[in-house]
Amino acid sequence: MKEKTTAFRVVDALLLCLTILPIVCGMVLKILFTPPAEGIQITGALIYFEVPMPVQNLVITEAQVNAWLVMAAILFLCLYLTHGLQVKAQTKRQIFVEWIVEKSEQLTTGNMGDYFLGFSPFVAAILALSAFSSLLSLFGLYAPTSDINVVAGWAILTFILITYYKFKAGPVQYLKSFGDPVPFLAPLNIISEVATPVSMAFRHYGNILSGSVISVLIAAGLQGLSAMVLGWIPVVGEIPLLQIGLPGVLSIYFDVFSGVLQAYIFAMLTMLYVSGGFPLEKYMAKKAKRQARKQAKAVQ
């Protein structure tokens, strides 16, 4: 491989800085807009400002802003990872990128089939956006996945995709699907259809939010226990020593493990719901009939 030029290294450094910059901006906004408070408080996302609208004001919250910051960070990270790609991988960076692409395609085709190979970028985007949004709490920022509005938007997008692929075999087939396996189960199938995005949103949101709340409550409890047990010791009693260790271990589980796990679960449910609702055989049969009719007309 040719030696990297100065311009190449400068672009690399710039992309890395731009990857970190959104997180730094989020921390600055957090400091500027967080009101002073005593003790530990559990609140929702901060409201930065409201945009006047005819029916109802558009509220711009910390969750929305942080979600956009995460997307910006992922964008610049992707630009950094794909900077200087060659036909044959000669750098560890390109090998890592190719490994991500390969695993994304394997995950998608393994759960959805070869027909949905083109879904792999979408699945990778869901995994990255959800995981990085949850990991944002490691920097003391409000995780967008802790806001039901953000996660519900992702679930609604998934629901639109499910409905779209169910309609690909025709509206008649879509309506018939509510009567499977027996017609009298149609009301339950309709309820199940509507409950799909609701369950996806609340599962993801509930797990991330509950982990954050539990971590804060335990940290507050350890602070009070430290003051009660060690408060009689001069100087040392003023330091919450019992807070050292356990909150960090819990953060590894709730912020890292649980956040990544919920991202994987959300992506898996998206793949299974979309592919499971798509009548591939009937769609291919309908497509073959359409092509046969076109060929017959061409012969005539």
C-alpha atoms as a PDB file:
ATOM      1  CA  MET A   1       0.000   0.000   0.000  1.00  0.00           C
ATOM      2  CA  LYS A   2       1.223   3.467  -0.811  1.00  0.00           C
ATOM      3  CA  GLU A   3       2.192   5.670   2.121  1.00  0.00           C
ATOM      4  CA  LYS A   4      -0.609   7.919   3.274  1.00  0.00           C
ATOM      5  CA  THR A   5      -0.243  11.497   2.123  1.00  0.00           C
ATOM      6  CA  THR A   6      -0.493  14.497   4.392  1.00  0.00           C
ATOM      7  CA  ALA A   7      -3.828  15.454   2.846  1.00  0.00           C
ATOM      8  CA  PHE A   8      -5.168  11.944   3.548  1.00  0.00           C
ATOM      9  CA  ARG A   9      -4.121  12.146   7.197  1.00  0.00           C
ATOM     10  CA  VAL A  10      -5.644  15.609   7.545  1.00  0.00           C
ATOM     11  CA  VAL A  11      -8.987  14.389   6.195  1.00  0.00           C
ATOM     12  CA  ASP A  12      -8.827  11.404   8.564  1.00  0.00           C
ATOM     13  CA  ALA A  13      -8.203  13.674  11.542  1.00  0.00           C
ATOM     14  CA  LEU A  14     -10.980  16.033  10.442  1.00  0.00           C
ATOM     15  CA  LEU A  15     -13.498  13.196  10.140  1.00  0.00           C
ATOM     16  CA  LEU A  16     -12.569  11.887  13.579  1.00  0.00           C
ATOM     17  CA  CYS A  17     -13.011  15.360  15.067  1.00  0.00           C
ATOM     18  CA  LEU A  18     -16.383  15.693  13.363  1.00  0.00           C
ATOM     19  CA  THR A  19     -17.371  12.301  14.800  1.00  0.00           C
ATOM     20  CA  ILE A  20     -16.620  13.473  18.335  1.00  0.00           C
ATOM     21  CA  LEU A  21     -17.964  17.021  17.863  1.00  0.00           C
ATOM     22  CA  PRO A  22     -21.714  16.125  18.055  1.00  0.00           C
ATOM     23  CA  ILE A  23     -21.170  14.416  21.422  1.00  0.00           C
ATOM     24  CA  VAL A  24     -19.273  17.459  22.719  1.00  0.00           C
ATOM     25  CA  CYS A  25     -22.081  19.735  21.486  1.00  0.00           C
ATOM     26  CA  GLY A  26     -24.607  17.577  23.339  1.00  0.00           C
ATOM     27  CA  MET A  27     -22.600  17.881  26.555  1.00  0.00           C
ATOM     28  CA  VAL A  28     -22.376  21.671  26.156  1.00  0.00           C
ATOM     29  CA  LEU A  29     -26.133  21.939  25.593  1.00  0.00           C
ATOM     30  CA  LYS A  30     -26.693  19.735  28.647  1.00  0.00           C
ATOM     31  CA  ILE A  31     -24.623  22.064  30.817  1.00  0.00           C
ATOM     32  CA  LEU A  32     -26.192  25.247  29.467  1.00  0.00           C
ATOM     33  CA  PHE A  33     -29.834  24.178  29.693  1.00  0.00           C
ATOM     34  CA  THR A  34     -29.870  21.988  32.821  1.00  0.00           C
ATOM     35  CA  PRO A  35     -31.289  24.033  35.722  1.00  0.00           C
ATOM     36  CA  PRO A  36     -29.385  23.907  39.025  1.00  0.00           C
ATOM     37  CA  ALA A  37     -30.734  21.292  41.412  1.00  0.00           C
ATOM     38  CA  GLU A  38     -29.781  19.679  44.698  1.00  0.00           C
ATOM     39  CA  GLY A  39     -29.367  15.926  44.946  1.00  0.00           C
ATOM     40  CA  ILE A  40     -30.239  13.342  42.345  1.00  0.00           C
ATOM     41  CA  GLN A  41     -33.330  13.921  40.237  1.00  0.00           C
ATOM     42  CA  ILE A  42     -35.103  11.667  37.733  1.00  0.00           C
ATOM     43  CA  THR A  43     -36.704  13.749  35.011  1.00  0.00           C
ATOM     44  CA  GLY A  44     -37.593  13.432  31.361  1.00  0.00           C
ATOM     45  CA  ALA A  45     -35.866  15.049  28.420  1.00  0.00           C
ATOM     46  CA  LEU A  46     -35.124  18.772  28.715  1.00  0.00           C
ATOM     47  CA  ILE A  47     -37.219  21.096  26.561  1.00  0.00           C
ATOM     48  CA  TYR A  48     -34.905  23.374  24.603  1.00  0.00           C
ATOM     49  CA  PHE A  49     -37.511  25.513  22.812  1.00  0.00           C
ATOM     50  CA  GLU A  50     -40.929  25.436  21.143  1.00  0.00           C
ATOM     51  CA  VAL A  51     -41.790  26.280  17.563  1.00  0.00           C
ATOM     52  CA  PRO A  52     -45.222  27.982  17.214  1.00  0.00           C
ATOM     53  CA  MET A  53     -47.578  25.902  15.061  1.00  0.00           C
ATOM     54  CA  PRO A  54     -51.261  26.370  14.077  1.00  0.00           C
ATOM     55  CA  VAL A  55     -52.672  23.413  16.021  1.00  0.00           C
ATOM     56  CA  GLN A  56     -50.017  22.666  18.628  1.00  0.00           C
ATOM     57  CA  ASN A  57     -46.544  23.990  19.274  1.00  0.00           C
ATOM     58  CA  LEU A  58     -43.658  21.826  18.071  1.00  0.00           C
ATOM     59  CA  VAL A  59     -41.584  21.006  21.144  1.00  0.00           C
ATOM     60  CA  ILE A  60     -37.867  20.454  20.545  1.00  0.00           C
ATOM     61  CA  THR A  61     -36.540  18.299  23.360  1.00  0.00           C
ATOM     62  CA  GLU A  62     -33.203  16.925  24.445  1.00  0.00           C
ATOM     63  CA  ALA A  63     -34.159  13.502  23.087  1.00  0.00           C
ATOM     64  CA  GLN A  64     -34.753  14.827  19.566  1.00  0.00           C
ATOM     65  CA  VAL A  65     -31.571  16.891  19.516  1.00  0.00           C
ATOM     66  CA  ASN A  66     -29.479  14.018  20.869  1.00  0.00           C
ATOM     67  CA  ALA A  67     -30.940  11.667  18.262  1.00  0.00           C
ATOM     68  CA  TRP A  68     -29.810  14.024  15.496  1.00  0.00           C
ATOM     69  CA  LEU A  69     -26.395  14.356  17.150  1.00  0.00           C
ATOM     70  CA  VAL A  70     -26.053  10.562  17.191  1.00  0.00           C
ATOM     71  CA  MET A  71     -26.991  10.387  13.505  1.00  0.00           C
ATOM     72  CA  ALA A  72     -24.393  13.066  12.708  1.00  0.00           C
ATOM     73  CA  ALA A  73     -21.739  11.179  14.686  1.00  0.00           C
ATOM     74  CA  ILE A  74     -22.579   7.914  12.879  1.00  0.00           C
ATOM     75  CA  LEU A  75     -22.436   9.701   9.511  1.00  0.00           C
ATOM     76  CA  PHE A  76     -18.934  11.060  10.099  1.00  0.00           C
ATOM     77  CA  LEU A  77     -17.810   7.742  11.588  1.00  0.00           C
ATOM     78  CA  CYS A  78     -18.957   5.962   8.412  1.00  0.00           C
ATOM     79  CA  LEU A  79     -17.164   8.559   6.287  1.00  0.00           C
ATOM     80  CA  TYR A  80     -13.994   7.952   8.307  1.00  0.00           C
ATOM     81  CA  LEU A  81     -14.248   4.163   8.043  1.00  0.00           C
ATOM     82  CA  THR A  82     -14.860   4.284   4.288  1.00  0.00           C
ATOM     83  CA  HIS A  83     -12.211   6.922   3.577  1.00  0.00           C
ATOM     84  CA  GLY A  84      -9.585   5.573   1.219  1.00  0.00           C
ATOM     85  CA  LEU A  85     -11.253   2.284   0.302  1.00  0.00           C
ATOM     86  CA  GLN A  86      -9.514   0.212  -2.353  1.00  0.00           C
ATOM     87  CA  VAL A  87     -10.509  -2.725  -4.545  1.00  0.00           C
ATOM     88  CA  LYS A  88      -8.399  -5.060  -2.408  1.00  0.00           C
ATOM     89  CA  ALA A  89      -8.397  -4.529   1.339  1.00  0.00           C
ATOM     90  CA  GLN A  90      -4.923  -3.550   2.518  1.00  0.00           C
ATOM     91  CA  THR A  91      -5.694  -1.786   5.792  1.00  0.00           C
ATOM     92  CA  LYS A  92      -7.192  -2.956   9.069  1.00  0.00           C
ATOM     93  CA  ARG A  93      -9.831  -0.265   8.714  1.00  0.00           C
ATOM     94  CA  GLN A  94     -11.095  -1.600   5.389  1.00  0.00           C
ATOM     95  CA  ILE A  95     -10.976  -5.188   6.680  1.00  0.00           C
ATOM     96  CA  PHE A  96     -13.126  -4.103   9.629  1.00  0.00           C
ATOM     97  CA  VAL A  97     -15.595  -2.317   7.337  1.00  0.00           C
ATOM     98  CA  GLU A  98     -15.863  -5.339   5.043  1.00  0.00           C
ATOM     99  CA  TRP A  99     -16.434  -7.541   8.100  1.00  0.00           C
ATOM    100  CA  ILE A 100     -19.327  -5.292   9.192  1.00  0.00           C
ATOM    101  CA  VAL A 101     -20.883  -5.453   5.716  1.00  0.00           C
ATOM    102  CA  GLU A 102     -20.463  -9.223   5.560  1.00  0.00           C
ATOM    103  CA  LYS A 103     -21.998  -9.808   8.989  1.00  0.00           C
ATOM    104  CA  SER A 104     -24.888  -7.430   8.215  1.00  0.00           C
ATOM    105  CA  GLU A 105     -25.673  -9.329   5.020  1.00  0.00           C
ATOM    106  CA  GLN A 106     -25.425 -12.678   6.800  1.00  0.00           C
ATOM    107  CA  LEU A 107     -27.709 -11.478   9.592  1.00  0.00           C
ATOM    108  CA  THR A 108     -30.257 -10.148   7.100  1.00  0.00           C
ATOM    109  CA  THR A 109     -30.334 -13.131   4.733  1.00  0.00           C
ATOM    110  CA  GLY A 110     -30.253 -15.576   7.650  1.00  0.00           C
ATOM    111  CA  ASN A 111     -33.409 -14.089   9.154  1.00  0.00           C
ATOM    112  CA  MET A 112     -35.216 -12.727   6.092  1.00  0.00           C
ATOM    113  CA  GLY A 113     -34.000 -14.782   3.146  1.00  0.00           C
ATOM    114  CA  ASP A 114     -32.006 -13.936   0.028  1.00  0.00           C
ATOM    115  CA  TYR A 115     -34.844 -11.804  -1.365  1.00  0.00           C
ATOM    116  CA  PHE A 116     -34.201  -9.205   1.367  1.00  0.00           C
ATOM    117  CA  LEU A 117     -30.442  -8.914   0.848  1.00  0.00           C
ATOM    118  CA  GLY A 118     -30.933  -5.221   0.042  1.00  0.00           C
ATOM    119  CA  PHE A 119     -32.289  -4.728   3.580  1.00  0.00           C
ATOM    120  CA  SER A 120     -28.837  -5.168   5.154  1.00  0.00           C
ATOM    121  CA  PRO A 121     -27.958  -1.401   5.146  1.00  0.00           C
ATOM    122  CA  PHE A 122     -31.294  -0.636   6.804  1.00  0.00           C
ATOM    123  CA  VAL A 123     -30.738  -3.323   9.454  1.00  0.00           C
ATOM    124  CA  ALA A 124     -27.189  -2.082  10.100  1.00  0.00           C
ATOM    125  CA  ALA A 125     -28.521   1.480  10.429  1.00  0.00           C
ATOM    126  CA  ILE A 126     -31.119   0.372  12.991  1.00  0.00           C
ATOM    127  CA  LEU A 127     -28.496  -1.474  15.017  1.00  0.00           C
ATOM    128  CA  ALA A 128     -26.066   1.454  14.962  1.00  0.00           C
ATOM    129  CA  LEU A 129     -28.636   4.158  15.693  1.00  0.00           C
ATOM    130  CA  SER A 130     -30.255   2.267  18.557  1.00  0.00           C
ATOM    131  CA  ALA A 131     -26.998   1.090  20.134  1.00  0.00           C
ATOM    132  CA  PHE A 132     -25.226   4.469  19.920  1.00  0.00           C
ATOM    133  CA  SER A 133     -28.336   6.258  21.209  1.00  0.00           C
ATOM    134  CA  SER A 134     -28.404   4.038  24.298  1.00  0.00           C
ATOM    135  CA  LEU A 135     -24.628   4.339  24.828  1.00  0.00           C
ATOM    136  CA  LEU A 136     -25.022   8.129  24.898  1.00  0.00           C
ATOM    137  CA  SER A 137     -25.852   7.828  28.608  1.00  0.00           C
ATOM    138  CA  LEU A 138     -22.194   6.918  29.254  1.00  0.00           C
ATOM    139  CA  PHE A 139     -21.382  10.569  28.541  1.00  0.00           C
ATOM    140  CA  GLY A 140     -24.005  11.811  30.993  1.00  0.00           C
ATOM    141  CA  LEU A 141     -26.430  12.696  28.189  1.00  0.00           C
ATOM    142  CA  TYR A 142     -30.083  11.790  27.881  1.00  0.00           C
ATOM    143  CA  ALA A 143     -30.403   8.637  25.770  1.00  0.00           C
ATOM    144  CA  PRO A 144     -32.915   9.141  22.907  1.00  0.00           C
ATOM    145  CA  THR A 145     -34.036   5.534  23.423  1.00  0.00           C
ATOM    146  CA  SER A 146     -35.318   6.611  26.860  1.00  0.00           C
ATOM    147  CA  ASP A 147     -37.971   8.749  25.106  1.00  0.00           C
ATOM    148  CA  ILE A 148     -41.062   6.925  23.885  1.00  0.00           C
ATOM    149  CA  ASN A 149     -41.557   9.462  21.082  1.00  0.00           C
ATOM    150  CA  VAL A 150     -38.224   8.599  19.448  1.00  0.00           C
ATOM    151  CA  VAL A 151     -38.608   4.828  19.701  1.00  0.00           C
ATOM    152  CA  ALA A 152     -42.256   5.021  18.624  1.00  0.00           C
ATOM    153  CA  GLY A 153     -41.137   6.769  15.444  1.00  0.00           C
ATOM    154  CA  TRP A 154     -38.846   3.836  14.646  1.00  0.00           C
ATOM    155  CA  ALA A 155     -41.656   1.368  15.399  1.00  0.00           C
ATOM    156  CA  ILE A 156     -44.071   3.241  13.125  1.00  0.00           C
ATOM    157  CA  LEU A 157     -41.504   3.123  10.320  1.00  0.00           C
ATOM    158  CA  THR A 158     -41.219  -0.630  10.815  1.00  0.00           C
ATOM    159  CA  PHE A 159     -45.016  -0.934  10.766  1.00  0.00           C
ATOM    160  CA  ILE A 160     -45.147   0.946   7.439  1.00  0.00           C
ATOM    161  CA  LEU A 161     -42.595  -1.476   5.990  1.00  0.00           C
ATOM    162  CA  ILE A 162     -44.573  -4.472   7.265  1.00  0.00           C
ATOM    163  CA  THR A 163     -47.764  -3.155   5.690  1.00  0.00           C
ATOM    164  CA  TYR A 164     -46.003  -2.305   2.424  1.00  0.00           C
ATOM    165  CA  TYR A 165     -44.629  -5.811   1.974  1.00  0.00           C
ATOM    166  CA  LYS A 166     -47.944  -7.380   2.896  1.00  0.00           C
ATOM    167  CA  PHE A 167     -49.558  -5.281   0.162  1.00  0.00           C
ATOM    168  CA  LYS A 168     -47.036  -6.397  -2.479  1.00  0.00           C
ATOM    169  CA  ALA A 169     -49.124  -9.521  -3.161  1.00  0.00           C
ATOM    170  CA  GLY A 170     -52.226  -7.351  -3.642  1.00  0.00           C
ATOM    171  CA  PRO A 171     -54.848  -5.758  -1.376  1.00  0.00           C
ATOM    172  CA  VAL A 172     -57.083  -8.839  -1.601  1.00  0.00           C
ATOM    173  CA  GLN A 173     -54.326 -11.063  -0.257  1.00  0.00           C
ATOM    174  CA  TYR A 174     -53.631  -8.501   2.468  1.00  0.00           C
ATOM    175  CA  LEU A 175     -57.233  -8.622   3.643  1.00  0.00           C
ATOM    176  CA  LYS A 176     -57.283 -12.409   3.450  1.00  0.00           C
ATOM    177  CA  SER A 177     -54.253 -12.587   5.734  1.00  0.00           C
ATOM    178  CA  PHE A 178     -56.384 -11.384   8.636  1.00  0.00           C
ATOM    179  CA  GLY A 179     -58.484 -14.551   8.285  1.00  0.00           C
ATOM    180  CA  ASP A 180     -55.542 -16.926   8.815  1.00  0.00           C
ATOM    181  CA  PRO A 181     -55.729 -19.623   9.998  1.00  0.00           C
ATOM    182  CA  VAL A 182     -59.519 -19.368  10.457  1.00  0.00           C
ATOM    183  CA  PRO A 183     -61.824 -16.425   9.583  1.00  0.00           C
ATOM    184  CA  PHE A 184     -63.285 -15.935  13.062  1.00  0.00           C
ATOM    185  CA  LEU A 185     -59.816 -14.946  14.334  1.00  0.00           C
ATOM    186  CA  ALA A 186     -59.856 -11.828  12.124  1.00  0.00           C
ATOM    187  CA  PRO A 187     -60.625  -9.408  15.032  1.00  0.00           C
ATOM    188  CA  LEU A 188     -57.697 -10.791  17.041  1.00  0.00           C
ATOM    189  CA  ASN A 189     -55.408 -10.577  14.008  1.00  0.00           C
ATOM    190  CA  ILE A 190     -56.378  -6.939  13.477  1.00  0.00           C
ATOM    191  CA  ILE A 191     -55.623  -6.149  17.122  1.00  0.00           C
ATOM    192  CA  SER A 192     -52.308  -7.987  16.797  1.00  0.00           C
ATOM    193  CA  GLU A 193     -51.470  -5.943  13.697  1.00  0.00           C
ATOM    194  CA  VAL A 194     -52.042  -2.649  15.507  1.00  0.00           C
ATOM    195  CA  ALA A 195     -50.258  -3.881  18.647  1.00  0.00           C
ATOM    196  CA  THR A 196     -47.047  -4.666  16.733  1.00  0.00           C
ATOM    197  CA  PRO A 197     -45.560  -1.125  16.700  1.00  0.00           C
ATOM    198  CA  VAL A 198     -46.892  -0.460  20.204  1.00  0.00           C
ATOM    199  CA  SER A 199     -45.189  -3.523  21.680  1.00  0.00           C
ATOM    200  CA  MET A 200     -41.931  -2.813  19.821  1.00  0.00           C
ATOM    201  CA  ALA A 201     -41.825   0.774  21.071  1.00  0.00           C
ATOM    202  CA  PHE A 202     -42.682   0.043  24.704  1.00  0.00           C
ATOM    203  CA  ARG A 203     -40.317  -2.949  24.904  1.00  0.00           C
ATOM    204  CA  HIS A 204     -37.329  -0.918  23.743  1.00  0.00           C
ATOM    205  CA  TYR A 205     -38.228   2.249  25.622  1.00  0.00           C
ATOM    206  CA  GLY A 206     -39.147   0.454  28.851  1.00  0.00           C
ATOM    207  CA  ASN A 207     -35.953  -1.574  29.093  1.00  0.00           C
ATOM    208  CA  ILE A 208     -33.648   1.392  28.483  1.00  0.00           C
ATOM    209  CA  LEU A 209     -35.529   3.787  30.769  1.00  0.00           C
ATOM    210  CA  SER A 210     -35.879   1.273  33.604  1.00  0.00           C
ATOM    211  CA  GLY A 211     -32.141   0.587  33.522  1.00  0.00           C
ATOM    212  CA  SER A 212     -31.364   4.300  33.828  1.00  0.00           C
ATOM    213  CA  VAL A 213     -33.825   4.751  36.691  1.00  0.00           C
ATOM    214  CA  ILE A 214     -32.507   1.719  38.592  1.00  0.00           C
ATOM    215  CA  SER A 215     -28.902   2.935  38.235  1.00  0.00           C
ATOM    216  CA  VAL A 216     -29.805   6.407  39.560  1.00  0.00           C
ATOM    217  CA  LEU A 217     -31.820   5.024  42.484  1.00  0.00           C
ATOM    218  CA  ILE A 218     -29.025   2.671  43.548  1.00  0.00           C
ATOM    219  CA  ALA A 219     -26.447   5.472  43.272  1.00  0.00           C
ATOM    220  CA  ALA A 220     -28.641   7.729  45.431  1.00  0.00           C
ATOM    221  CA  GLY A 221     -29.177   4.944  47.946  1.00  0.00           C
ATOM    222  CA  LEU A 222     -25.450   4.240  48.210  1.00  0.00           C
ATOM    223  CA  GLN A 223     -24.784   7.936  48.717  1.00  0.00           C
ATOM    224  CA  GLY A 224     -27.201   8.030  51.653  1.00  0.00           C
ATOM    225  CA  LEU A 225     -25.831   4.761  53.063  1.00  0.00           C
ATOM    226  CA  SER A 226     -22.283   6.102  52.858  1.00  0.00           C
ATOM    227  CA  ALA A 227     -23.281   9.237  54.754  1.00  0.00           C
ATOM    228  CA  MET A 228     -25.060   7.150  57.406  1.00  0.00           C
ATOM    229  CA  VAL A 229     -22.249   4.627  57.930  1.00  0.00           C
ATOM    230  CA  LEU A 230     -19.166   6.802  57.444  1.00  0.00           C
ATOM    231  CA  GLY A 231     -20.563  10.240  58.237  1.00  0.00           C
ATOM    232  CA  TRP A 232     -19.012  10.274  61.716  1.00  0.00           C
ATOM    233  CA  ILE A 233     -15.463  10.144  60.257  1.00  0.00           C
ATOM    234  CA  PRO A 234     -13.988  13.622  59.597  1.00  0.00           C
ATOM    235  CA  VAL A 235     -13.301  14.431  55.937  1.00  0.00           C
ATOM    236  CA  VAL A 236     -13.760  10.796  54.867  1.00  0.00           C
ATOM    237  CA  GLY A 237     -17.425  10.904  55.852  1.00  0.00           C
ATOM    238  CA  GLU A 238     -18.047  13.659  53.336  1.00  0.00           C
ATOM    239  CA  ILE A 239     -16.922  11.407  50.452  1.00  0.00           C
ATOM    240  CA  PRO A 240     -19.547   8.880  49.237  1.00  0.00           C
ATOM    241  CA  LEU A 241     -17.103   5.967  49.234  1.00  0.00           C
ATOM    242  CA  LEU A 242     -19.823   3.335  48.951  1.00  0.00           C
ATOM    243  CA  GLN A 243     -20.726   4.776  45.556  1.00  0.00           C
ATOM    244  CA  ILE A 244     -17.398   3.593  44.178  1.00  0.00           C
ATOM    245  CA  GLY A 245     -17.572   0.374  42.188  1.00  0.00           C
ATOM    246  CA  LEU A 246     -21.159  -0.858  42.155  1.00  0.00           C
ATOM    247  CA  PRO A 247     -22.678   1.969  40.030  1.00  0.00           C
ATOM    248  CA  GLY A 248     -19.905   1.402  37.476  1.00  0.00           C
ATOM    249  CA  VAL A 249     -20.692  -2.315  37.280  1.00  0.00           C
ATOM    250  CA  LEU A 250     -24.397  -1.583  36.911  1.00  0.00           C
ATOM    251  CA  SER A 251     -23.610   0.941  34.189  1.00  0.00           C
ATOM    252  CA  ILE A 252     -21.768  -1.766  32.242  1.00  0.00           C
ATOM    253  CA  TYR A 253     -24.900  -3.914  32.363  1.00  0.00           C
ATOM    254  CA  PHE A 254     -27.682  -1.338  31.948  1.00  0.00           C
ATOM    255  CA  ASP A 255     -25.944   1.153  29.656  1.00  0.00           C
ATOM    256  CA  VAL A 256     -23.696  -1.096  27.583  1.00  0.00           C
ATOM    257  CA  PHE A 257     -24.989  -4.675  27.605  1.00  0.00           C
ATOM    258  CA  SER A 258     -28.706  -3.864  27.830  1.00  0.00           C
ATOM    259  CA  GLY A 259     -28.446  -1.021  25.292  1.00  0.00           C
ATOM    260  CA  VAL A 260     -26.685  -3.190  22.708  1.00  0.00           C
ATOM    261  CA  LEU A 261     -29.018  -6.120  23.434  1.00  0.00           C
ATOM    262  CA  GLN A 262     -32.156  -4.025  22.944  1.00  0.00           C
ATOM    263  CA  ALA A 263     -30.750  -2.696  19.651  1.00  0.00           C
ATOM    264  CA  TYR A 264     -30.232  -6.276  18.482  1.00  0.00           C
ATOM    265  CA  ILE A 265     -33.731  -7.302  19.609  1.00  0.00           C
ATOM    266  CA  PHE A 266     -35.341  -4.334  17.842  1.00  0.00           C
ATOM    267  CA  ALA A 267     -33.468  -5.140  14.624  1.00  0.00           C
ATOM    268  CA  MET A 268     -34.395  -8.828  14.893  1.00  0.00           C
ATOM    269  CA  LEU A 269     -38.080  -8.020  15.406  1.00  0.00           C
ATOM    270  CA  THR A 270     -37.983  -5.668  12.422  1.00  0.00           C
ATOM    271  CA  MET A 271     -36.550  -8.394  10.195  1.00  0.00           C
ATOM    272  CA  LEU A 272     -38.893 -11.101  11.440  1.00  0.00           C
ATOM    273  CA  TYR A 273     -42.046  -8.972  11.191  1.00  0.00           C
ATOM    274  CA  VAL A 274     -41.235  -7.694   7.698  1.00  0.00           C
ATOM    275  CA  SER A 275     -40.203 -11.050   6.246  1.00  0.00           C
ATOM    276  CA  GLY A 276     -42.895 -12.962   8.143  1.00  0.00           C
ATOM    277  CA  GLY A 277     -45.655 -10.729   6.799  1.00  0.00           C
ATOM    278  CA  PHE A 278     -44.437 -10.897   3.198  1.00  0.00           C
ATOM    279  CA  PRO A 279     -46.161 -13.693   1.196  1.00  0.00           C
ATOM    280  CA  LEU A 280     -43.147 -14.398  -1.019  1.00  0.00           C
ATOM    281  CA  GLU A 281     -44.561 -17.422  -2.847  1.00  0.00           C
ATOM    282  CA  LYS A 282     -47.819 -15.697  -3.689  1.00  0.00           C
ATOM    283  CA  TYR A 283     -45.963 -12.551  -4.736  1.00  0.00           C
ATOM    284  CA  MET A 284     -43.670 -14.521  -7.040  1.00  0.00           C
ATOM    285  CA  ALA A 285     -46.675 -16.382  -8.494  1.00  0.00           C
ATOM    286  CA  LYS A 286     -48.454 -13.096  -9.131  1.00  0.00           C
ATOM    287  CA  LYS A 287     -45.307 -11.657 -10.704  1.00  0.00           C
ATOM    288  CA  ALA A 288     -44.951 -14.723 -12.977  1.00  0.00           C
ATOM    289  CA  LYS A 289     -48.569 -14.382 -14.145  1.00  0.00           C
ATOM    290  CA  ARG A 290     -48.010 -10.696 -14.890  1.00  0.00           C
ATOM    291  CA  GLN A 291     -44.920 -11.486 -16.963  1.00  0.00           C
ATOM    292  CA  ALA A 292     -46.769 -14.275 -18.786  1.00  0.00           C
ATOM    293  CA  ARG A 293     -49.554 -11.864 -19.742  1.00  0.00           C
ATOM    294  CA  LYS A 294     -46.997  -9.333 -21.005  1.00  0.00           C
ATOM    295  CA  GLN A 295     -45.291 -11.973 -23.118  1.00  0.00           C
ATOM    296  CA  ALA A 296     -48.629 -13.131 -24.514  1.00  0.00           C
ATOM    297  CA  LYS A 297     -49.503  -9.573 -25.513  1.00  0.00           C
ATOM    298  CA  ALA A 298     -46.081  -9.124 -27.096  1.00  0.00           C
ATOM    299  CA  VAL A 299     -46.584 -12.269 -29.212  1.00  0.00           C
ATOM    300  CA  GLN A 300     -49.991 -11.055 -30.394  1.00  0.00           C
END
